[in-house]
């Protein structure tokens, strides 16, 4: 019985793909896209106040955090802190930021509340 000839083969070096962090703020270009993004958060996660605040932060970063802070009458640092993952902005801050972003919040009847 013949034995197969052993080849001196090199293992192909596996190349790890490079990944970059996805930043939604880089993709929010128009006021309509910004409004649709916030509206999606309000629709899909209406009780996730932290997520909605982060969405406002994403939109603020897309527009320019320093300018949004000036327009809202807040310091840039306090705006970053309020709209961060651990932030807990007051409703007054949310309204100021929404106004500075050129967004309006509106109410819509949503059916009967669940107990």
Protein backbone atom coordinates (compact mmCIF):
# COMPACT_ATOMS: atom_id res chain seq x y z
CA UNK A 1 0.00 0.00 0.00
CA UNK A 2 1.30 3.35 -0.96
CA UNK A 3 1.36 6.15 1.57
CA UNK A 4 0.46 9.54 0.36
CA UNK A 5 3.34 11.90 -0.05
CA UNK A 6 3.38 14.47 2.67
CA UNK A 7 3.40 17.96 1.40
CA UNK A 8 5.10 20.71 3.23
CA UNK A 9 2.09 22.96 3.20
CA UNK A 10 1.83 26.20 5.01
CA UNK A 11 -1.27 27.07 6.81
CA UNK A 12 -2.96 30.03 5.34
CA UNK A 13 -2.91 32.86 7.81
CA UNK A 14 -6.42 33.87 8.68
CA UNK A 15 -6.97 37.55 8.39
CA UNK A 16 -9.23 39.06 10.97
CA UNK A 17 -11.68 41.48 9.45
CA UNK A 18 -11.39 45.03 10.65
CA UNK A 19 -14.50 46.43 12.15
CA UNK A 20 -15.39 49.91 13.18
CA UNK A 21 -17.97 50.99 15.67
CA UNK A 22 -21.28 51.96 14.10
CA UNK A 23 -22.29 55.50 14.95
CA UNK A 24 -25.84 56.33 13.96
CA UNK A 25 -25.07 60.06 14.26
CA UNK A 26 -22.96 59.78 11.11
CA UNK A 27 -26.04 58.65 9.17
CA UNK A 28 -28.54 61.24 10.36
CA UNK A 29 -28.17 63.85 7.67
CA UNK A 30 -31.52 65.53 7.16
CA UNK A 31 -34.13 66.88 9.56
CA UNK A 32 -36.53 64.25 8.21
CA UNK A 33 -34.11 61.41 9.03
CA UNK A 34 -33.57 62.84 12.51
CA UNK A 35 -37.30 63.12 13.14
CA UNK A 36 -37.90 59.59 11.82
CA UNK A 37 -35.15 58.20 14.09
CA UNK A 38 -36.64 59.82 17.20
CA UNK A 39 -40.14 58.81 16.14
CA UNK A 40 -39.00 55.19 15.78
CA UNK A 41 -37.65 55.25 19.35
CA UNK A 42 -40.88 56.78 20.65
CA UNK A 43 -42.94 54.19 18.77
CA UNK A 44 -40.86 51.08 19.49
CA UNK A 45 -39.74 51.80 23.06
CA UNK A 46 -42.08 54.42 24.53
CA UNK A 47 -41.18 53.49 28.10
CA UNK A 48 -37.40 53.49 27.59
CA UNK A 49 -36.58 56.99 28.78
CA UNK A 50 -32.85 56.30 28.73
CA UNK A 51 -33.00 55.06 25.14
CA UNK A 52 -35.03 58.06 24.03
CA UNK A 53 -32.53 60.38 25.73
CA UNK A 54 -29.69 58.56 23.92
CA UNK A 55 -31.58 58.98 20.64
CA UNK A 56 -31.77 62.72 21.29
CA UNK A 57 -28.04 62.60 22.02
CA UNK A 58 -27.39 60.84 18.70
CA UNK A 59 -29.33 63.54 16.88
CA UNK A 60 -27.54 66.29 18.83
CA UNK A 61 -24.16 64.80 17.87
CA UNK A 62 -25.27 64.68 14.24
CA UNK A 63 -26.17 68.39 14.35
CA UNK A 64 -23.20 69.42 16.46
CA UNK A 65 -23.33 69.11 20.22
CA UNK A 66 -21.86 72.54 20.95
CA UNK A 67 -24.42 74.34 18.79
CA UNK A 68 -27.33 72.32 20.19
CA UNK A 69 -26.14 73.08 23.74
CA UNK A 70 -26.00 76.82 22.95
CA UNK A 71 -29.44 76.76 21.34
CA UNK A 72 -30.88 74.86 24.32
CA UNK A 73 -29.26 77.19 26.85
CA UNK A 74 -27.15 74.41 28.38
CA UNK A 75 -23.43 73.78 28.73
CA UNK A 76 -22.00 71.23 26.35
CA UNK A 77 -20.84 69.07 29.26
CA UNK A 78 -24.26 69.01 30.91
CA UNK A 79 -25.88 68.17 27.58
CA UNK A 80 -23.48 65.24 27.05
CA UNK A 81 -24.14 64.04 30.60
CA UNK A 82 -27.93 64.35 30.32
CA UNK A 83 -28.12 62.53 26.98
CA UNK A 84 -25.58 59.79 27.75
CA UNK A 85 -26.46 56.15 28.43
CA UNK A 86 -26.54 56.77 32.18
CA UNK A 87 -28.11 60.21 31.94
CA UNK A 88 -31.51 61.03 33.31
CA UNK A 89 -32.54 64.38 31.84
CA UNK A 90 -35.47 66.29 33.22
CA UNK A 91 -38.48 66.66 30.97
CA UNK A 92 -37.69 70.38 30.72
CA UNK A 93 -34.24 69.48 29.35
CA UNK A 94 -35.78 67.07 26.84
CA UNK A 95 -38.11 69.83 25.63
CA UNK A 96 -35.26 72.36 25.36
CA UNK A 97 -33.12 69.91 23.40
CA UNK A 98 -35.99 68.93 21.10
CA UNK A 99 -36.66 72.60 20.37
CA UNK A 100 -32.93 73.24 19.76
CA UNK A 101 -32.89 70.29 17.34
CA UNK A 102 -35.89 71.66 15.45
CA UNK A 103 -38.05 68.72 16.54
CA UNK A 104 -41.54 68.78 17.99
CA UNK A 105 -43.02 66.15 20.25
CA UNK A 106 -46.71 65.42 19.81
CA UNK A 107 -49.29 63.27 21.52
CA UNK A 108 -51.49 60.72 19.84
CA UNK A 109 -54.26 58.60 21.30
CA UNK A 110 -52.87 55.11 21.72
CA UNK A 111 -55.83 53.07 22.90
CA UNK A 112 -56.68 52.00 26.38
CA UNK A 113 -53.88 51.81 28.94
CA UNK A 114 -52.92 48.38 30.25
CA UNK A 115 -53.20 47.73 33.96
